[in-house]
Amino acid sequence: MNNNIKSIKVFGSACPTCKKLHELTEVAVKELHLNIEVEYINDIQKLLDTGMMSSPVLAINEKPVLAGRLPSVEKIKELLTTINNQPELEKVSGGCSCGSRC
């Protein structure tokens, strides 16, 4: 398995969608048998510091790899296993994936 993952972070606004991304990421990490903590950060300034304007944001090794949507566990596992191949940032335009309900 991928031993090059040093950090996994979910940045969000503490809305249900952002919290769900954190939960799904933890499931993916467990299913992949990775021994790493998934950090949840709901500090808006730190979210903005990622350069992303849509939440939630999934960052692997400090690099945002997904923004503004809630993927499946399988998609998160794919992102975690292809990090060495520099996955393209996946995002949606126009704000939070919860439709501004947060």
PDB file of N, CA and C in Angstrom:
ATOM      1  N   MET A   1       0.846  -1.188   0.000  1.00  0.00           N
ATOM      2  CA  MET A   1       0.000   0.000   0.000  1.00  0.00           C
ATOM      3  C   MET A   1       0.879   1.234   0.000  1.00  0.00           C
ATOM      4  N   ASN A   2       0.267   2.357  -0.258  1.00  0.00           N
ATOM      5  CA  ASN A   2       0.989   3.618  -0.418  1.00  0.00           C
ATOM      6  C   ASN A   2       1.584   4.069   0.912  1.00  0.00           C
ATOM      7  N   ASN A   3       2.900   4.059   1.011  1.00  0.00           N
ATOM      8  CA  ASN A   3       3.578   4.496   2.228  1.00  0.00           C
ATOM      9  C   ASN A   3       4.010   5.947   2.143  1.00  0.00           C
ATOM     10  N   ASN A   4       3.683   6.616   1.063  1.00  0.00           N
ATOM     11  CA  ASN A   4       4.119   7.995   0.877  1.00  0.00           C
ATOM     12  C   ASN A   4       3.110   9.014   1.382  1.00  0.00           C
ATOM     13  N   ILE A   5       2.033   8.581   1.967  1.00  0.00           N
ATOM     14  CA  ILE A   5       1.053   9.518   2.502  1.00  0.00           C
ATOM     15  C   ILE A   5       1.496   9.923   3.905  1.00  0.00           C
ATOM     16  N   LYS A   6       1.754  11.210   4.056  1.00  0.00           N
ATOM     17  CA  LYS A   6       2.193  11.749   5.347  1.00  0.00           C
ATOM     18  C   LYS A   6       1.048  12.404   6.117  1.00  0.00           C
ATOM     19  N   SER A   7       0.074  12.962   5.367  1.00  0.00           N
ATOM     20  CA  SER A   7      -1.057  13.605   6.036  1.00  0.00           C
ATOM     21  C   SER A   7      -2.288  13.556   5.152  1.00  0.00           C
ATOM     22  N   ILE A   8      -3.435  13.442   5.822  1.00  0.00           N
ATOM     23  CA  ILE A   8      -4.735  13.501   5.157  1.00  0.00           C
ATOM     24  C   ILE A   8      -5.571  14.473   5.969  1.00  0.00           C
ATOM     25  N   LYS A   9      -6.058  15.504   5.280  1.00  0.00           N
ATOM     26  CA  LYS A   9      -6.845  16.527   5.969  1.00  0.00           C
ATOM     27  C   LYS A   9      -8.131  16.804   5.203  1.00  0.00           C
ATOM     28  N   VAL A  10      -9.193  17.014   5.962  1.00  0.00           N
ATOM     29  CA  VAL A  10     -10.457  17.469   5.406  1.00  0.00           C
ATOM     30  C   VAL A  10     -10.702  18.856   5.976  1.00  0.00           C
ATOM     31  N   PHE A  11     -10.859  19.818   5.084  1.00  0.00           N
ATOM     32  CA  PHE A  11     -11.161  21.194   5.483  1.00  0.00           C
ATOM     33  C   PHE A  11     -12.624  21.444   5.187  1.00  0.00           C
ATOM     34  N   GLY A  12     -13.327  22.053   6.123  1.00  0.00           N
ATOM     35  CA  GLY A  12     -14.731  22.335   5.909  1.00  0.00           C
ATOM     36  C   GLY A  12     -15.253  23.388   6.848  1.00  0.00           C
ATOM     37  N   SER A  13     -16.534  23.664   6.692  1.00  0.00           N
ATOM     38  CA  SER A  13     -17.180  24.712   7.483  1.00  0.00           C
ATOM     39  C   SER A  13     -18.003  24.137   8.627  1.00  0.00           C
ATOM     40  N   ALA A  14     -17.819  22.871   8.927  1.00  0.00           N
ATOM     41  CA  ALA A  14     -18.555  22.157   9.969  1.00  0.00           C
ATOM     42  C   ALA A  14     -19.993  21.862   9.563  1.00  0.00           C
ATOM     43  N   CYS A  15     -20.291  21.974   8.274  1.00  0.00           N
ATOM     44  CA  CYS A  15     -21.625  21.620   7.783  1.00  0.00           C
ATOM     45  C   CYS A  15     -21.727  20.100   7.685  1.00  0.00           C
ATOM     46  N   PRO A  16     -22.923  19.550   7.563  1.00  0.00           N
ATOM     47  CA  PRO A  16     -23.076  18.091   7.471  1.00  0.00           C
ATOM     48  C   PRO A  16     -22.302  17.466   6.307  1.00  0.00           C
ATOM     49  N   THR A  17     -22.225  18.132   5.175  1.00  0.00           N
ATOM     50  CA  THR A  17     -21.500  17.596   4.022  1.00  0.00           C
ATOM     51  C   THR A  17     -20.012  17.502   4.318  1.00  0.00           C
ATOM     52  N   CYS A  18     -19.464  18.519   4.943  1.00  0.00           N
ATOM     53  CA  CYS A  18     -18.041  18.520   5.279  1.00  0.00           C
ATOM     54  C   CYS A  18     -17.735  17.422   6.297  1.00  0.00           C
ATOM     55  N   LYS A  19     -18.583  17.278   7.291  1.00  0.00           N
ATOM     56  CA  LYS A  19     -18.397  16.236   8.292  1.00  0.00           C
ATOM     57  C   LYS A  19     -18.506  14.854   7.651  1.00  0.00           C
ATOM     58  N   LYS A  20     -19.408  14.712   6.686  1.00  0.00           N
ATOM     59  CA  LYS A  20     -19.579  13.431   5.999  1.00  0.00           C
ATOM     60  C   LYS A  20     -18.328  13.070   5.197  1.00  0.00           C
ATOM     61  N   LEU A  21     -17.694  14.057   4.560  1.00  0.00           N
ATOM     62  CA  LEU A  21     -16.452  13.776   3.834  1.00  0.00           C
ATOM     63  C   LEU A  21     -15.391  13.247   4.802  1.00  0.00           C
ATOM     64  N   HIS A  22     -15.314  13.834   5.971  1.00  0.00           N
ATOM     65  CA  HIS A  22     -14.374  13.357   6.980  1.00  0.00           C
ATOM     66  C   HIS A  22     -14.667  11.904   7.340  1.00  0.00           C
ATOM     67  N   GLU A  23     -15.936  11.593   7.583  1.00  0.00           N
ATOM     68  CA  GLU A  23     -16.331  10.227   7.939  1.00  0.00           C
ATOM     69  C   GLU A  23     -16.000   9.246   6.811  1.00  0.00           C
ATOM     70  N   LEU A  24     -16.335   9.607   5.572  1.00  0.00           N
ATOM     71  CA  LEU A  24     -16.074   8.726   4.440  1.00  0.00           C
ATOM     72  C   LEU A  24     -14.578   8.523   4.225  1.00  0.00           C
ATOM     73  N   THR A  25     -13.806   9.572   4.458  1.00  0.00           N
ATOM     74  CA  THR A  25     -12.355   9.462   4.316  1.00  0.00           C
ATOM     75  C   THR A  25     -11.792   8.524   5.372  1.00  0.00           C
ATOM     76  N   GLU A  26     -12.312   8.599   6.585  1.00  0.00           N
ATOM     77  CA  GLU A  26     -11.874   7.673   7.630  1.00  0.00           C
ATOM     78  C   GLU A  26     -12.198   6.229   7.260  1.00  0.00           C
ATOM     79  N   VAL A  27     -13.366   6.010   6.654  1.00  0.00           N
ATOM     80  CA  VAL A  27     -13.739   4.660   6.209  1.00  0.00           C
ATOM     81  C   VAL A  27     -12.757   4.179   5.144  1.00  0.00           C
ATOM     82  N   ALA A  28     -12.443   5.042   4.181  1.00  0.00           N
ATOM     83  CA  ALA A  28     -11.515   4.680   3.104  1.00  0.00           C
ATOM     84  C   ALA A  28     -10.136   4.337   3.671  1.00  0.00           C
ATOM     85  N   VAL A  29      -9.657   5.135   4.598  1.00  0.00           N
ATOM     86  CA  VAL A  29      -8.345   4.897   5.219  1.00  0.00           C
ATOM     87  C   VAL A  29      -8.349   3.546   5.936  1.00  0.00           C
ATOM     88  N   LYS A  30      -9.425   3.258   6.643  1.00  0.00           N
ATOM     89  CA  LYS A  30      -9.529   1.984   7.358  1.00  0.00           C
ATOM     90  C   LYS A  30      -9.562   0.816   6.379  1.00  0.00           C
ATOM     91  N   GLU A  31     -10.349   0.937   5.311  1.00  0.00           N
ATOM     92  CA  GLU A  31     -10.453  -0.143   4.333  1.00  0.00           C
ATOM     93  C   GLU A  31      -9.125  -0.387   3.605  1.00  0.00           C
ATOM     94  N   LEU A  32      -8.328   0.646   3.455  1.00  0.00           N
ATOM     95  CA  LEU A  32      -7.027   0.513   2.807  1.00  0.00           C
ATOM     96  C   LEU A  32      -5.922   0.114   3.791  1.00  0.00           C
ATOM     97  N   HIS A  33      -6.284  -0.021   5.072  1.00  0.00           N
ATOM     98  CA  HIS A  33      -5.344  -0.404   6.128  1.00  0.00           C
ATOM     99  C   HIS A  33      -4.187   0.584   6.238  1.00  0.00           C
ATOM    100  N   LEU A  34      -4.502   1.868   6.071  1.00  0.00           N
ATOM    101  CA  LEU A  34      -3.490   2.904   6.249  1.00  0.00           C
ATOM    102  C   LEU A  34      -3.444   3.283   7.721  1.00  0.00           C
ATOM    103  N   ASN A  35      -2.287   3.408   8.253  1.00  0.00           N
ATOM    104  CA  ASN A  35      -2.115   3.773   9.649  1.00  0.00           C
ATOM    105  C   ASN A  35      -1.840   5.273   9.724  1.00  0.00           C
ATOM    106  N   ILE A  36      -2.897   6.049   9.476  1.00  0.00           N
ATOM    107  CA  ILE A  36      -2.746   7.502   9.479  1.00  0.00           C
ATOM    108  C   ILE A  36      -4.051   8.131   9.939  1.00  0.00           C
ATOM    109  N   GLU A  37      -3.935   9.206  10.670  1.00  0.00           N
ATOM    110  CA  GLU A  37      -5.104   9.932  11.163  1.00  0.00           C
ATOM    111  C   GLU A  37      -5.635  10.862  10.073  1.00  0.00           C
ATOM    112  N   VAL A  38      -6.951  10.937   9.984  1.00  0.00           N
ATOM    113  CA  VAL A  38      -7.589  11.889   9.085  1.00  0.00           C
ATOM    114  C   VAL A  38      -7.969  13.100   9.931  1.00  0.00           C
ATOM    115  N   GLU A  39      -7.299  14.201   9.680  1.00  0.00           N
ATOM    116  CA  GLU A  39      -7.525  15.419  10.458  1.00  0.00           C
ATOM    117  C   GLU A  39      -8.691  16.207   9.870  1.00  0.00           C
ATOM    118  N   TYR A  40      -9.597  16.665  10.734  1.00  0.00           N
ATOM    119  CA  TYR A  40     -10.720  17.495  10.291  1.00  0.00           C
ATOM    120  C   TYR A  40     -10.476  18.920  10.765  1.00  0.00           C
ATOM    121  N   ILE A  41     -10.463  19.856   9.841  1.00  0.00           N
ATOM    122  CA  ILE A  41     -10.168  21.258  10.155  1.00  0.00           C
ATOM    123  C   ILE A  41     -11.353  22.107   9.726  1.00  0.00           C
ATOM    124  N   ASN A  42     -11.985  22.752  10.696  1.00  0.00           N
ATOM    125  CA  ASN A  42     -13.121  23.614  10.360  1.00  0.00           C
ATOM    126  C   ASN A  42     -12.826  25.093  10.582  1.00  0.00           C
ATOM    127  N   ASP A  43     -11.563  25.442  10.513  1.00  0.00           N
ATOM    128  CA  ASP A  43     -11.120  26.830  10.588  1.00  0.00           C
ATOM    129  C   ASP A  43     -11.207  27.421   9.173  1.00  0.00           C
ATOM    130  N   ILE A  44     -12.091  28.389   8.988  1.00  0.00           N
ATOM    131  CA  ILE A  44     -12.338  28.954   7.659  1.00  0.00           C
ATOM    132  C   ILE A  44     -11.068  29.567   7.072  1.00  0.00           C
ATOM    133  N   GLN A  45     -10.251  30.202   7.885  1.00  0.00           N
ATOM    134  CA  GLN A  45      -9.021  30.793   7.359  1.00  0.00           C
ATOM    135  C   GLN A  45      -8.089  29.719   6.807  1.00  0.00           C
ATOM    136  N   LYS A  46      -8.000  28.594   7.501  1.00  0.00           N
ATOM    137  CA  LYS A  46      -7.159  27.502   7.004  1.00  0.00           C
ATOM    138  C   LYS A  46      -7.733  26.913   5.721  1.00  0.00           C
ATOM    139  N   LEU A  47      -9.054  26.870   5.617  1.00  0.00           N
ATOM    140  CA  LEU A  47      -9.693  26.433   4.374  1.00  0.00           C
ATOM    141  C   LEU A  47      -9.301  27.367   3.238  1.00  0.00           C
ATOM    142  N   LEU A  48      -9.393  28.669   3.468  1.00  0.00           N
ATOM    143  CA  LEU A  48      -9.020  29.651   2.447  1.00  0.00           C
ATOM    144  C   LEU A  48      -7.538  29.565   2.107  1.00  0.00           C
ATOM    145  N   ASP A  49      -6.718  29.236   3.104  1.00  0.00           N
ATOM    146  CA  ASP A  49      -5.278  29.107   2.875  1.00  0.00           C
ATOM    147  C   ASP A  49      -4.938  27.978   1.900  1.00  0.00           C
ATOM    148  N   THR A  50      -5.861  27.031   1.715  1.00  0.00           N
ATOM    149  CA  THR A  50      -5.620  25.955   0.749  1.00  0.00           C
ATOM    150  C   THR A  50      -5.744  26.476  -0.684  1.00  0.00           C
ATOM    151  N   GLY A  51      -6.319  27.676  -0.830  1.00  0.00           N
ATOM    152  CA  GLY A  51      -6.530  28.229  -2.159  1.00  0.00           C
ATOM    153  C   GLY A  51      -7.863  27.830  -2.758  1.00  0.00           C
ATOM    154  N   MET A  52      -8.638  27.060  -2.025  1.00  0.00           N
ATOM    155  CA  MET A  52      -9.930  26.586  -2.510  1.00  0.00           C
ATOM    156  C   MET A  52     -11.037  27.485  -1.983  1.00  0.00           C
ATOM    157  N   MET A  53     -12.010  27.749  -2.834  1.00  0.00           N
ATOM    158  CA  MET A  53     -13.142  28.577  -2.430  1.00  0.00           C
ATOM    159  C   MET A  53     -14.407  27.740  -2.222  1.00  0.00           C
ATOM    160  N   SER A  54     -14.330  26.446  -2.473  1.00  0.00           N
ATOM    161  CA  SER A  54     -15.450  25.530  -2.303  1.00  0.00           C
ATOM    162  C   SER A  54     -15.111  24.542  -1.207  1.00  0.00           C
ATOM    163  N   SER A  55     -16.094  24.211  -0.413  1.00  0.00           N
ATOM    164  CA  SER A  55     -15.869  23.206   0.622  1.00  0.00           C
ATOM    165  C   SER A  55     -16.824  22.048   0.383  1.00  0.00           C
ATOM    166  N   PRO A  56     -16.484  20.881   0.875  1.00  0.00           N
ATOM    167  CA  PRO A  56     -15.286  20.521   1.619  1.00  0.00           C
ATOM    168  C   PRO A  56     -14.080  20.343   0.708  1.00  0.00           C
ATOM    169  N   VAL A  57     -12.905  20.309   1.338  1.00  0.00           N
ATOM    170  CA  VAL A  57     -11.646  20.094   0.617  1.00  0.00           C
ATOM    171  C   VAL A  57     -10.950  18.891   1.239  1.00  0.00           C
ATOM    172  N   LEU A  58     -10.505  17.976   0.396  1.00  0.00           N
ATOM    173  CA  LEU A  58      -9.686  16.856   0.838  1.00  0.00           C
ATOM    174  C   LEU A  58      -8.265  17.132   0.373  1.00  0.00           C
ATOM    175  N   ALA A  59      -7.337  17.142   1.314  1.00  0.00           N
ATOM    176  CA  ALA A  59      -5.922  17.374   0.997  1.00  0.00           C
ATOM    177  C   ALA A  59      -5.108  16.165   1.439  1.00  0.00           C
ATOM    178  N   ILE A  60      -4.248  15.712   0.530  1.00  0.00           N
ATOM    179  CA  ILE A  60      -3.340  14.612   0.828  1.00  0.00           C
ATOM    180  C   ILE A  60      -1.929  15.169   0.706  1.00  0.00           C
ATOM    181  N   ASN A  61      -1.155  14.991   1.770  1.00  0.00           N
ATOM    182  CA  ASN A  61       0.210  15.546   1.824  1.00  0.00           C
ATOM    183  C   ASN A  61       0.196  17.047   1.536  1.00  0.00           C
ATOM    184  N   GLU A  62      -0.760  17.729   2.123  1.00  0.00           N
ATOM    185  CA  GLU A  62      -0.908  19.193   2.027  1.00  0.00           C
ATOM    186  C   GLU A  62      -1.360  19.669   0.648  1.00  0.00           C
ATOM    187  N   LYS A  63      -1.657  18.764  -0.266  1.00  0.00           N
ATOM    188  CA  LYS A  63      -2.096  19.144  -1.605  1.00  0.00           C
ATOM    189  C   LYS A  63      -3.597  18.862  -1.752  1.00  0.00           C
ATOM    190  N   PRO A  64      -4.407  19.900  -2.037  1.00  0.00           N
ATOM    191  CA  PRO A  64      -5.831  19.648  -2.277  1.00  0.00           C
ATOM    192  C   PRO A  64      -6.015  18.744  -3.496  1.00  0.00           C
ATOM    193  N   VAL A  65      -6.790  17.669  -3.313  1.00  0.00           N
ATOM    194  CA  VAL A  65      -7.056  16.740  -4.407  1.00  0.00           C
ATOM    195  C   VAL A  65      -8.538  16.654  -4.743  1.00  0.00           C
ATOM    196  N   LEU A  66      -9.380  17.266  -3.912  1.00  0.00           N
ATOM    197  CA  LEU A  66     -10.816  17.250  -4.148  1.00  0.00           C
ATOM    198  C   LEU A  66     -11.420  18.446  -3.443  1.00  0.00           C
ATOM    199  N   ALA A  67     -12.338  19.132  -4.125  1.00  0.00           N
ATOM    200  CA  ALA A  67     -12.985  20.293  -3.500  1.00  0.00           C
ATOM    201  C   ALA A  67     -14.415  20.427  -3.986  1.00  0.00           C
ATOM    202  N   GLY A  68     -15.291  20.801  -3.068  1.00  0.00           N
ATOM    203  CA  GLY A  68     -16.653  21.174  -3.418  1.00  0.00           C
ATOM    204  C   GLY A  68     -17.618  20.059  -3.738  1.00  0.00           C
ATOM    205  N   ARG A  69     -17.281  18.838  -3.368  1.00  0.00           N
ATOM    206  CA  ARG A  69     -18.224  17.748  -3.604  1.00  0.00           C
ATOM    207  C   ARG A  69     -18.000  16.615  -2.619  1.00  0.00           C
ATOM    208  N   LEU A  70     -18.983  15.729  -2.553  1.00  0.00           N
ATOM    209  CA  LEU A  70     -18.928  14.590  -1.657  1.00  0.00           C
ATOM    210  C   LEU A  70     -18.812  13.323  -2.504  1.00  0.00           C
ATOM    211  N   PRO A  71     -17.611  12.747  -2.576  1.00  0.00           N
ATOM    212  CA  PRO A  71     -17.402  11.554  -3.397  1.00  0.00           C
ATOM    213  C   PRO A  71     -17.783  10.280  -2.645  1.00  0.00           C
ATOM    214  N   SER A  72     -17.758   9.178  -3.356  1.00  0.00           N
ATOM    215  CA  SER A  72     -17.974   7.871  -2.736  1.00  0.00           C
ATOM    216  C   SER A  72     -16.698   7.444  -2.005  1.00  0.00           C
ATOM    217  N   VAL A  73     -16.837   6.454  -1.145  1.00  0.00           N
ATOM    218  CA  VAL A  73     -15.669   5.881  -0.472  1.00  0.00           C
ATOM    219  C   VAL A  73     -14.707   5.328  -1.513  1.00  0.00           C
ATOM    220  N   GLU A  74     -15.242   4.718  -2.567  1.00  0.00           N
ATOM    221  CA  GLU A  74     -14.379   4.164  -3.613  1.00  0.00           C
ATOM    222  C   GLU A  74     -13.547   5.252  -4.292  1.00  0.00           C
ATOM    223  N   LYS A  75     -14.147   6.409  -4.536  1.00  0.00           N
ATOM    224  CA  LYS A  75     -13.412   7.514  -5.154  1.00  0.00           C
ATOM    225  C   LYS A  75     -12.316   8.017  -4.222  1.00  0.00           C
ATOM    226  N   ILE A  76     -12.609   8.107  -2.942  1.00  0.00           N
ATOM    227  CA  ILE A  76     -11.597   8.543  -1.971  1.00  0.00           C
ATOM    228  C   ILE A  76     -10.451   7.532  -1.943  1.00  0.00           C
ATOM    229  N   LYS A  77     -10.774   6.253  -1.964  1.00  0.00           N
ATOM    230  CA  LYS A  77      -9.737   5.221  -1.990  1.00  0.00           C
ATOM    231  C   LYS A  77      -8.877   5.359  -3.248  1.00  0.00           C
ATOM    232  N   GLU A  78      -9.512   5.667  -4.362  1.00  0.00           N
ATOM    233  CA  GLU A  78      -8.763   5.878  -5.609  1.00  0.00           C
ATOM    234  C   GLU A  78      -7.792   7.048  -5.464  1.00  0.00           C
ATOM    235  N   LEU A  79      -8.266   8.143  -4.886  1.00  0.00           N
ATOM    236  CA  LEU A  79      -7.394   9.304  -4.682  1.00  0.00           C
ATOM    237  C   LEU A  79      -6.225   8.958  -3.760  1.00  0.00           C
ATOM    238  N   LEU A  80      -6.503   8.193  -2.719  1.00  0.00           N
ATOM    239  CA  LEU A  80      -5.456   7.818  -1.770  1.00  0.00           C
ATOM    240  C   LEU A  80      -4.424   6.876  -2.388  1.00  0.00           C
ATOM    241  N   THR A  81      -4.842   6.041  -3.315  1.00  0.00           N
ATOM    242  CA  THR A  81      -3.918   5.069  -3.894  1.00  0.00           C
ATOM    243  C   THR A  81      -3.200   5.603  -5.130  1.00  0.00           C
ATOM    244  N   THR A  82      -3.640   6.738  -5.656  1.00  0.00           N
ATOM    245  CA  THR A  82      -2.982   7.304  -6.838  1.00  0.00           C
ATOM    246  C   THR A  82      -2.240   8.591  -6.526  1.00  0.00           C
ATOM    247  N   ILE A  83      -2.014   8.883  -5.259  1.00  0.00           N
ATOM    248  CA  ILE A  83      -1.382  10.147  -4.882  1.00  0.00           C
ATOM    249  C   ILE A  83      -0.005  10.301  -5.516  1.00  0.00           C
ATOM    250  N   ASN A  84       0.722   9.224  -5.720  1.00  0.00           N
ATOM    251  CA  ASN A  84       2.037   9.328  -6.356  1.00  0.00           C
ATOM    252  C   ASN A  84       1.932   9.719  -7.818  1.00  0.00           C
ATOM    253  N   ASN A  85       0.757   9.526  -8.404  1.00  0.00           N
ATOM    254  CA  ASN A  85       0.542   9.887  -9.812  1.00  0.00           C
ATOM    255  C   ASN A  85      -0.016  11.299  -9.955  1.00  0.00           C
ATOM    256  N   GLN A  86       0.053  12.093  -8.887  1.00  0.00           N
ATOM    257  CA  GLN A  86      -0.399  13.482  -8.896  1.00  0.00           C
ATOM    258  C   GLN A  86      -1.819  13.619  -9.449  1.00  0.00           C
ATOM    259  N   PRO A  87      -2.846  13.139  -8.729  1.00  0.00           N
ATOM    260  CA  PRO A  87      -4.201  13.239  -9.243  1.00  0.00           C
ATOM    261  C   PRO A  87      -4.601  14.696  -9.458  1.00  0.00           C
ATOM    262  N   GLU A  88      -5.403  14.914 -10.474  1.00  0.00           N
ATOM    263  CA  GLU A  88      -5.915  16.251 -10.743  1.00  0.00           C
ATOM    264  C   GLU A  88      -6.913  16.630  -9.659  1.00  0.00           C
ATOM    265  N   LEU A  89      -6.936  17.891  -9.312  1.00  0.00           N
ATOM    266  CA  LEU A  89      -7.892  18.399  -8.348  1.00  0.00           C
ATOM    267  C   LEU A  89      -9.288  18.240  -8.906  1.00  0.00           C
ATOM    268  N   GLU A  90     -10.163  17.639  -8.115  1.00  0.00           N
ATOM    269  CA  GLU A  90     -11.550  17.491  -8.515  1.00  0.00           C
ATOM    270  C   GLU A  90     -12.374  18.478  -7.712  1.00  0.00           C
ATOM    271  N   LYS A  91     -13.096  19.315  -8.432  1.00  0.00           N
ATOM    272  CA  LYS A  91     -13.897  20.326  -7.743  1.00  0.00           C
ATOM    273  C   LYS A  91     -15.124  20.670  -8.555  1.00  0.00           C
ATOM    274  N   VAL A  92     -16.030  21.376  -7.889  1.00  0.00           N
ATOM    275  CA  VAL A  92     -17.179  21.953  -8.558  1.00  0.00           C
ATOM    276  C   VAL A  92     -17.074  23.446  -8.383  1.00  0.00           C
ATOM    277  N   SER A  93     -17.620  24.162  -9.304  1.00  0.00           N
ATOM    278  CA  SER A  93     -17.574  25.615  -9.176  1.00  0.00           C
ATOM    279  C   SER A  93     -18.841  26.099  -8.499  1.00  0.00           C
ATOM    280  N   GLY A  94     -18.747  27.242  -7.870  1.00  0.00           N
ATOM    281  CA  GLY A  94     -19.934  27.869  -7.325  1.00  0.00           C
ATOM    282  C   GLY A  94     -20.196  27.631  -5.860  1.00  0.00           C
ATOM    283  N   GLY A  95     -19.201  27.284  -5.081  1.00  0.00           N
ATOM    284  CA  GLY A  95     -19.381  27.230  -3.649  1.00  0.00           C
ATOM    285  C   GLY A  95     -19.503  25.838  -3.085  1.00  0.00           C
ATOM    286  N   CYS A  96     -20.018  25.783  -1.897  1.00  0.00           N
ATOM    287  CA  CYS A  96     -20.095  24.568  -1.117  1.00  0.00           C
ATOM    288  C   CYS A  96     -21.001  23.527  -1.760  1.00  0.00           C
ATOM    289  N   SER A  97     -20.637  22.269  -1.597  1.00  0.00           N
ATOM    290  CA  SER A  97     -21.413  21.194  -2.180  1.00  0.00           C
ATOM    291  C   SER A  97     -22.766  21.023  -1.515  1.00  0.00           C
ATOM    292  N   CYS A  98     -22.985  21.670  -0.387  1.00  0.00           N
ATOM    293  CA  CYS A  98     -24.288  21.555   0.269  1.00  0.00           C
ATOM    294  C   CYS A  98     -25.276  22.578  -0.287  1.00  0.00           C
ATOM    295  N   GLY A  99     -24.887  23.298  -1.330  1.00  0.00           N
ATOM    296  CA  GLY A  99     -25.789  24.271  -1.928  1.00  0.00           C
ATOM    297  C   GLY A  99     -26.008  25.489  -1.066  1.00  0.00           C
ATOM    298  N   SER A 100     -24.991  25.861  -0.307  1.00  0.00           N
ATOM    299  CA  SER A 100     -25.034  27.030   0.581  1.00  0.00           C
ATOM    300  C   SER A 100     -26.045  26.879   1.704  1.00  0.00           C
ATOM    301  N   ARG A 101     -26.302  25.633   2.117  1.00  0.00           N
ATOM    302  CA  ARG A 101     -27.196  25.393   3.243  1.00  0.00           C
ATOM    303  C   ARG A 101     -26.441  25.344   4.571  1.00  0.00           C
ATOM    304  N   CYS A 102     -25.115  25.473   4.505  1.00  0.00           N
ATOM    305  CA  CYS A 102     -24.344  25.402   5.747  1.00  0.00           C
ATOM    306  C   CYS A 102     -24.184  26.785   6.360  1.00  0.00           C
TER     307      CYS A 102
END
